[in-house]
């Protein structure tokens, strides 16, 4: 597994690269559609491959551990075969889900005891068993087990949590070395930088994670309620420290504007539920701003969903028709909107890559940020 830089922007820290795994090349910057429970909601795998065409998608350890459970993956030969996906997959370790279950979990040095949102049963995640679970799921990129702190967060709590995340990282690495691969492909391991919104903690954590020598690194604990300027400030601090020759993954981020601004700071990989979740609620992202397709203003608008024609749904259906589907509560409306939003996010990161290689990223980014910051 290797990461090669292809180009760098001279007016920002943006860069274009290629991260290669046994399931193929991942061209960066990249947005990874979220397939939490072994499916990207509302999109058939065939449409995902042929139209949206991502190099990599994300799945979630917490959800897959609870359902369908590990014996199913072992019987299927891993997640790729289980969901009929022959490209790259990244699994989140479940740390964020543990964070979101704040009323149903207890965090201790050993690990986290939590209550299942499905049936109320109790389970424990430790750095060791999370590594075993991710071996069994079989993703190409697997994440260290960490604690994601809330926002706002007390400095002393953030510091204690960061150090525990570092100790958990050591346990992940030690156990991973003793846990053999289960399938016929390698797995890349990414540790996670924490430290809330405190620059000194972020620096300490970035230095610790950089010294782990992993093939890639992640930045966690952002996009949890903090203002965007604080997110950018933390990302900038961390990217100054994380190695340039390793991919940088900013977890759970974000809006199209967030993504472009963080690419400019040196981030390579992103994921977020926003394009799919917002699509199911009728919110569309375009290069000219956001559209609430349920607004009456679109009732008699027979123009294409998006005049850029990024996906086939943009040109085959009108705003009027899509609004009708939402008002009629037809499932097809959510499906069309989801394909559009994912197509737009993938177009955005691929166009950013093209602009970086062309040497025009900064000017293009500034123009796009202004255009997209509108409600149509």
Protein backbone atom coordinates (compact mmCIF):
# COMPACT_ATOMS: atom_id res chain seq x y z
CA UNK A 1 0.00 0.00 0.00
CA UNK A 2 1.45 3.34 -0.98
CA UNK A 3 0.59 7.01 -1.35
CA UNK A 4 2.13 9.12 -4.09
CA UNK A 5 1.76 12.88 -4.45
CA UNK A 6 1.06 13.96 -8.01
CA UNK A 7 0.73 17.74 -7.64
CA UNK A 8 0.56 20.51 -5.04
CA UNK A 9 -1.11 23.92 -5.22
CA UNK A 10 1.32 26.82 -4.89
CA UNK A 11 -1.21 29.20 -3.26
CA UNK A 12 -2.55 26.81 -0.62
CA UNK A 13 -1.70 23.47 1.00
CA UNK A 14 -3.97 21.52 -1.38
CA UNK A 15 -2.49 18.45 -3.00
CA UNK A 16 -3.45 15.71 -5.44
CA UNK A 17 -2.29 12.15 -4.85
CA UNK A 18 -2.99 8.46 -5.37
CA UNK A 19 -3.36 5.95 -2.52
CA UNK A 20 -3.14 2.39 -3.84
CA UNK A 21 -4.51 -0.68 -2.06
CA UNK A 22 -5.16 -4.26 -3.14
CA UNK A 23 -8.62 -3.17 -4.33
CA UNK A 24 -7.33 -0.42 -6.57
CA UNK A 25 -6.20 3.20 -6.72
CA UNK A 26 -7.87 5.97 -4.72
CA UNK A 27 -7.33 9.34 -6.37
CA UNK A 28 -7.23 12.16 -3.85
CA UNK A 29 -8.79 14.49 -2.83
CA UNK A 30 -11.68 12.06 -2.45
CA UNK A 31 -15.14 11.99 -0.89
CA UNK A 32 -16.21 8.59 0.44
CA UNK A 33 -19.97 7.88 0.33
CA UNK A 34 -21.17 6.53 3.67
CA UNK A 35 -22.51 2.98 3.57
CA UNK A 36 -23.03 2.59 7.31
CA UNK A 37 -24.74 -0.82 7.30
CA UNK A 38 -23.13 -2.26 4.14
CA UNK A 39 -25.25 -0.10 1.85
CA UNK A 40 -25.27 3.51 0.73
CA UNK A 41 -28.86 4.41 1.58
CA UNK A 42 -31.13 4.73 -1.42
CA UNK A 43 -28.55 3.67 -4.02
CA UNK A 44 -28.15 0.28 -5.66
CA UNK A 45 -24.54 -0.95 -5.93
CA UNK A 46 -24.93 -0.92 -9.73
CA UNK A 47 -25.80 2.78 -9.71
CA UNK A 48 -23.05 3.47 -7.23
CA UNK A 49 -20.45 1.88 -9.52
CA UNK A 50 -21.71 3.02 -12.90
CA UNK A 51 -22.92 6.54 -12.20
CA UNK A 52 -21.45 7.95 -8.98
CA UNK A 53 -18.34 5.82 -9.46
CA UNK A 54 -16.40 6.30 -6.17
CA UNK A 55 -13.00 4.69 -5.64
CA UNK A 56 -13.94 3.95 -2.02
CA UNK A 57 -16.93 3.87 0.32
CA UNK A 58 -17.22 3.79 4.10
CA UNK A 59 -18.91 1.26 6.38
CA UNK A 60 -19.27 1.24 10.15
CA UNK A 61 -17.86 -1.26 12.61
CA UNK A 62 -20.39 -0.54 15.37
CA UNK A 63 -23.42 -1.14 13.15
CA UNK A 64 -21.99 -4.17 11.35
CA UNK A 65 -20.87 -5.73 14.63
CA UNK A 66 -24.43 -5.56 15.95
CA UNK A 67 -26.08 -6.57 12.68
CA UNK A 68 -25.56 -8.89 10.82
CA UNK A 69 -22.73 -9.86 13.29
CA UNK A 70 -19.32 -11.35 12.66
CA UNK A 71 -20.17 -14.98 11.76
CA UNK A 72 -22.05 -13.70 8.71
CA UNK A 73 -18.95 -11.90 7.41
CA UNK A 74 -16.78 -14.94 8.01
CA UNK A 75 -19.27 -17.09 6.12
CA UNK A 76 -19.48 -14.61 3.23
CA UNK A 77 -15.71 -14.16 2.97
CA UNK A 78 -15.70 -10.54 4.15
CA UNK A 79 -17.65 -7.37 3.51
CA UNK A 80 -16.59 -6.98 -0.14
CA UNK A 81 -18.17 -10.29 -1.11
CA UNK A 82 -21.12 -9.87 1.27
CA UNK A 83 -22.24 -6.62 -0.39
CA UNK A 84 -20.87 -7.35 -3.89
CA UNK A 85 -18.45 -4.41 -3.90
CA UNK A 86 -15.08 -4.95 -5.57
CA UNK A 87 -13.58 -1.54 -4.81
CA UNK A 88 -12.12 -0.05 -1.65
CA UNK A 89 -13.88 0.08 1.71
CA UNK A 90 -12.94 1.96 4.89
CA UNK A 91 -14.40 1.02 8.27
CA UNK A 92 -14.79 3.52 11.08
CA UNK A 93 -13.84 1.82 14.37
CA UNK A 94 -17.08 2.73 16.14
CA UNK A 95 -15.56 5.48 18.28
CA UNK A 96 -17.96 8.09 16.95
CA UNK A 97 -20.99 5.87 17.59
CA UNK A 98 -19.78 5.35 21.14
CA UNK A 99 -19.61 9.15 21.43
CA UNK A 100 -23.16 9.51 20.12
CA UNK A 101 -24.46 6.95 22.66
CA UNK A 102 -23.53 9.24 25.56
CA UNK A 103 -26.49 8.16 27.72
CA UNK A 104 -25.99 4.45 27.04
CA UNK A 105 -22.27 3.87 27.52
CA UNK A 106 -19.50 3.91 30.12
CA UNK A 107 -15.93 4.74 29.16
CA UNK A 108 -13.07 3.21 31.16
CA UNK A 109 -9.39 2.58 30.51
CA UNK A 110 -10.13 -0.98 29.45
CA UNK A 111 -12.67 0.11 26.84
CA UNK A 112 -16.30 1.14 26.43
CA UNK A 113 -19.37 -0.71 27.63
CA UNK A 114 -22.45 0.28 25.65
CA UNK A 115 -26.07 -0.61 25.17
CA UNK A 116 -27.23 -1.71 21.72
CA UNK A 117 -29.67 0.66 20.06
CA UNK A 118 -31.27 -2.39 18.43
CA UNK A 119 -32.25 -4.67 21.32
CA UNK A 120 -30.84 -3.10 24.50
CA UNK A 121 -28.18 -5.79 24.96
CA UNK A 122 -24.83 -4.79 26.49
CA UNK A 123 -21.49 -5.04 24.71
CA UNK A 124 -17.91 -3.93 25.22
CA UNK A 125 -15.52 -2.43 22.72
CA UNK A 126 -11.80 -2.52 23.52
CA UNK A 127 -8.88 -1.58 21.27
CA UNK A 128 -8.15 -5.29 20.95
CA UNK A 129 -11.56 -6.61 19.97
CA UNK A 130 -12.22 -3.68 17.64
CA UNK A 131 -9.09 -4.70 15.71
CA UNK A 132 -10.36 -8.27 15.55
CA UNK A 133 -13.79 -7.12 14.40
CA UNK A 134 -12.28 -5.01 11.62
CA UNK A 135 -10.09 -7.92 10.55
CA UNK A 136 -13.28 -10.00 10.25
CA UNK A 137 -15.21 -7.34 8.35
CA UNK A 138 -12.23 -7.08 6.03
CA UNK A 139 -12.14 -3.43 4.94
CA UNK A 140 -9.11 -2.11 3.04
CA UNK A 141 -8.60 0.77 5.49
CA UNK A 142 -9.30 0.24 9.20
CA UNK A 143 -9.28 2.79 11.99
CA UNK A 144 -7.84 2.88 15.49
CA UNK A 145 -10.28 2.83 18.40
CA UNK A 146 -10.48 6.32 19.93
CA UNK A 147 -12.66 8.50 22.10
CA UNK A 148 -14.38 11.34 20.28
CA UNK A 149 -14.89 14.24 22.72
CA UNK A 150 -17.99 16.48 22.56
CA UNK A 151 -18.06 20.21 21.85
CA UNK A 152 -17.67 22.22 23.95
CA UNK A 153 -15.23 20.16 25.98
CA UNK A 154 -13.36 21.02 29.20
CA UNK A 155 -9.62 21.30 28.62
CA UNK A 156 -8.65 18.79 31.29
CA UNK A 157 -11.18 16.25 30.02
CA UNK A 158 -9.94 16.73 26.46
CA UNK A 159 -6.36 16.20 27.65
CA UNK A 160 -7.18 13.02 29.58
CA UNK A 161 -9.22 11.69 26.67
CA UNK A 162 -6.43 12.42 24.19
CA UNK A 163 -3.86 10.53 26.27
CA UNK A 164 -6.24 7.60 26.63
CA UNK A 165 -6.77 7.59 22.85
CA UNK A 166 -2.96 7.41 22.50
CA UNK A 167 -2.76 4.50 24.93
CA UNK A 168 -5.57 2.78 23.06
CA UNK A 169 -3.63 3.34 19.84
CA UNK A 170 -0.64 1.46 21.26
CA UNK A 171 -2.92 -1.42 22.22
CA UNK A 172 -4.49 -1.41 18.73
CA UNK A 173 -1.06 -1.62 17.10
CA UNK A 174 0.18 -4.35 19.44
CA UNK A 175 -2.92 -6.47 18.93
CA UNK A 176 -3.05 -5.90 15.18
CA UNK A 177 0.46 -7.32 14.87
CA UNK A 178 -0.78 -10.53 16.51
CA UNK A 179 -4.02 -10.75 14.52
CA UNK A 180 -3.60 -12.35 11.07
CA UNK A 181 -5.40 -11.21 7.95
CA UNK A 182 -8.56 -13.20 7.22
CA UNK A 183 -8.91 -12.61 3.51
CA UNK A 184 -6.70 -12.29 0.44
CA UNK A 185 -5.99 -8.57 0.68
CA UNK A 186 -3.97 -6.32 2.96
CA UNK A 187 -5.42 -3.75 5.34
CA UNK A 188 -4.11 -0.23 5.93
CA UNK A 189 -4.33 1.02 9.52
CA UNK A 190 -4.98 4.72 10.29
CA UNK A 191 -4.57 6.18 13.81
CA UNK A 192 -6.67 9.21 14.79
CA UNK A 193 -5.63 12.66 16.04
CA UNK A 194 -7.76 14.02 18.88
CA UNK A 195 -7.51 17.05 21.22
CA UNK A 196 -10.85 18.86 20.85
CA UNK A 197 -10.42 22.53 19.84
CA UNK A 198 -7.21 23.17 21.82
CA UNK A 199 -4.22 23.88 19.60
CA UNK A 200 -1.61 22.63 22.07
CA UNK A 201 -3.46 19.31 22.46
CA UNK A 202 -3.90 18.97 18.71
CA UNK A 203 -0.17 19.52 18.24
CA UNK A 204 0.68 16.91 20.88
CA UNK A 205 -1.71 14.41 19.38
CA UNK A 206 -0.58 15.03 15.80
CA UNK A 207 3.04 14.49 16.83
CA UNK A 208 2.15 11.27 18.65
CA UNK A 209 0.13 9.96 15.71
CA UNK A 210 2.82 10.95 13.20
CA UNK A 211 5.41 9.02 15.22
CA UNK A 212 3.30 5.86 15.02
CA UNK A 213 4.48 5.52 11.42
CA UNK A 214 1.15 4.31 9.98
CA UNK A 215 0.50 4.31 6.23
CA UNK A 216 -2.15 7.02 6.68
CA UNK A 217 -3.53 9.27 9.41
CA UNK A 218 -6.95 10.57 10.42
CA UNK A 219 -8.20 13.69 12.16
CA UNK A 220 -11.15 13.04 14.46
CA UNK A 221 -13.27 14.96 16.92
CA UNK A 222 -14.22 17.78 14.54
CA UNK A 223 -17.57 18.59 12.93
CA UNK A 224 -19.21 17.84 16.30
CA UNK A 225 -20.79 21.27 16.76
CA UNK A 226 -17.81 23.63 16.76
CA UNK A 227 -17.91 26.75 14.51
CA UNK A 228 -16.31 26.22 11.09
CA UNK A 229 -13.40 28.64 11.82
CA UNK A 230 -12.40 26.47 14.80
CA UNK A 231 -12.54 23.34 12.63
CA UNK A 232 -10.28 24.99 10.07
CA UNK A 233 -7.87 26.20 12.75
CA UNK A 234 -7.50 22.69 14.20
CA UNK A 235 -7.09 21.15 10.75
CA UNK A 236 -4.38 23.65 9.86
CA UNK A 237 -2.43 22.91 13.05
CA UNK A 238 -2.62 19.16 12.50
CA UNK A 239 -1.78 19.19 8.78
CA UNK A 240 1.39 21.16 9.52
CA UNK A 241 2.60 18.19 11.60
CA UNK A 242 1.23 15.05 9.92
CA UNK A 243 3.65 13.64 7.30
CA UNK A 244 3.28 14.99 3.78
CA UNK A 245 3.89 11.57 2.25
CA UNK A 246 0.88 9.96 3.97
CA UNK A 247 -2.83 10.48 3.19
CA UNK A 248 -4.78 12.65 5.66
CA UNK A 249 -8.40 11.76 6.40
CA UNK A 250 -10.71 14.31 8.08
CA UNK A 251 -13.50 12.26 9.60
CA UNK A 252 -17.18 13.19 9.27
CA UNK A 253 -16.71 16.43 7.31
CA UNK A 254 -18.83 18.00 5.95
CA UNK A 255 -20.60 20.58 3.76
CA UNK A 256 -19.26 21.21 0.25
CA UNK A 257 -17.71 24.46 1.51
CA UNK A 258 -16.11 22.65 4.48
CA UNK A 259 -14.59 20.14 2.10
CA UNK A 260 -13.04 22.74 -0.21
CA UNK A 261 -11.63 24.79 2.67
CA UNK A 262 -10.09 21.69 4.25
CA UNK A 263 -8.64 20.54 0.93
CA UNK A 264 -6.93 23.94 0.84
CA UNK A 265 -5.42 23.11 4.27
CA UNK A 266 -3.95 19.79 3.09
CA UNK A 267 -6.66 17.16 3.71
CA UNK A 268 -7.00 14.30 1.22
CA UNK A 269 -9.99 12.19 2.30
CA UNK A 270 -13.50 12.99 3.56
CA UNK A 271 -16.74 11.27 4.51
CA UNK A 272 -20.08 12.58 5.70
CA UNK A 273 -23.72 11.48 5.87
CA UNK A 274 -24.84 14.96 4.82
CA UNK A 275 -25.31 14.35 1.07
CA UNK A 276 -27.45 11.25 1.62
CA UNK A 277 -29.30 12.40 4.74
CA UNK A 278 -30.08 15.83 3.33
CA UNK A 279 -31.18 14.26 0.05
CA UNK A 280 -33.79 12.18 1.85
CA UNK A 281 -35.16 15.44 3.30
CA UNK A 282 -35.27 17.18 -0.08
CA UNK A 283 -32.12 19.30 0.23
CA UNK A 284 -29.97 19.28 -2.91
CA UNK A 285 -26.42 20.57 -3.26
CA UNK A 286 -25.39 22.26 -6.50
CA UNK A 287 -22.48 24.37 -7.75
CA UNK A 288 -24.78 27.41 -7.56
CA UNK A 289 -26.14 26.86 -4.04
CA UNK A 290 -28.55 24.61 -2.13
CA UNK A 291 -32.11 23.80 -3.19
CA UNK A 292 -35.00 22.79 -0.94
CA UNK A 293 -36.89 20.89 -3.60
CA UNK A 294 -40.07 20.86 -1.48
CA UNK A 295 -40.46 24.63 -1.81
CA UNK A 296 -43.47 25.70 -3.88
CA UNK A 297 -41.25 27.80 -6.15
CA UNK A 298 -40.17 24.60 -7.94
CA UNK A 299 -43.74 23.38 -8.61
CA UNK A 300 -43.77 24.59 -12.23
CA UNK A 301 -40.03 24.62 -12.88
CA UNK A 302 -39.44 22.13 -15.68
CA UNK A 303 -35.71 22.82 -15.97
CA UNK A 304 -33.24 20.02 -15.16
CA UNK A 305 -32.43 19.33 -11.50
CA UNK A 306 -28.91 20.67 -12.11
CA UNK A 307 -27.80 22.37 -15.32
CA UNK A 308 -24.29 20.94 -14.92
CA UNK A 309 -25.58 17.43 -15.66
CA UNK A 310 -23.21 15.77 -13.21
CA UNK A 311 -25.27 12.55 -13.11
CA UNK A 312 -27.93 11.12 -15.42
CA UNK A 313 -30.70 12.00 -12.94
CA UNK A 314 -29.83 15.69 -13.33
CA UNK A 315 -30.79 15.73 -16.99
CA UNK A 316 -33.56 13.11 -17.07
CA UNK A 317 -35.77 14.68 -14.40
CA UNK A 318 -37.03 18.20 -13.78
CA UNK A 319 -37.25 20.11 -10.52
CA UNK A 320 -41.03 20.05 -10.88
CA UNK A 321 -41.11 16.26 -11.14
CA UNK A 322 -38.73 15.75 -8.23
CA UNK A 323 -40.81 18.11 -6.07
CA UNK A 324 -43.93 16.13 -7.01
CA UNK A 325 -42.27 12.90 -5.88
CA UNK A 326 -41.36 14.40 -2.51
CA UNK A 327 -44.81 15.89 -1.97
CA UNK A 328 -46.33 12.51 -2.88
CA UNK A 329 -43.91 10.73 -0.53
CA UNK A 330 -42.67 8.49 -3.34
CA UNK A 331 -39.44 6.62 -2.57
CA UNK A 332 -38.09 7.43 -6.03
CA UNK A 333 -37.78 11.09 -5.01
CA UNK A 334 -35.33 10.25 -2.24
CA UNK A 335 -33.39 7.95 -4.56
CA UNK A 336 -33.04 10.60 -7.30
CA UNK A 337 -31.99 13.24 -4.76
CA UNK A 338 -29.44 10.88 -3.19
CA UNK A 339 -27.84 10.02 -6.55
CA UNK A 340 -27.65 13.72 -7.37
CA UNK A 341 -26.06 14.76 -4.06
CA UNK A 342 -23.48 11.97 -4.06
CA UNK A 343 -22.69 12.70 -7.69
CA UNK A 344 -22.17 16.35 -6.80
CA UNK A 345 -19.84 15.59 -3.87
CA UNK A 346 -17.75 13.26 -6.04
CA UNK A 347 -17.68 15.83 -8.84
CA UNK A 348 -16.57 18.51 -6.36
CA UNK A 349 -13.55 16.58 -5.07
CA UNK A 350 -12.59 15.37 -8.54
CA UNK A 351 -12.81 18.89 -9.94
CA UNK A 352 -10.71 20.09 -6.99
CA UNK A 353 -8.11 17.49 -7.97
CA UNK A 354 -8.19 18.65 -11.59
CA UNK A 355 -7.76 22.27 -10.53
CA UNK A 356 -4.82 21.37 -8.25
CA UNK A 357 -3.07 19.58 -11.10
CA UNK A 358 -3.80 22.52 -13.42
CA UNK A 359 -2.42 25.02 -10.89
CA UNK A 360 -5.71 26.93 -10.61
CA UNK A 361 -7.16 25.50 -7.39
CA UNK A 362 -7.07 28.59 -5.14
CA UNK A 363 -8.94 30.87 -7.53
CA UNK A 364 -11.47 28.16 -8.38
CA UNK A 365 -12.02 27.30 -4.71
CA UNK A 366 -12.67 30.93 -3.74
CA UNK A 367 -15.20 31.28 -6.59
CA UNK A 368 -16.97 28.02 -5.70
CA UNK A 369 -17.23 28.89 -2.00
CA UNK A 370 -19.06 32.12 -2.89
CA UNK A 371 -21.35 30.36 -5.37
CA UNK A 372 -22.29 27.48 -3.06
CA UNK A 373 -23.00 29.72 -0.06
CA UNK A 374 -26.52 30.51 -1.32
CA UNK A 375 -30.05 29.20 -0.89
CA UNK A 376 -31.72 29.02 -4.30
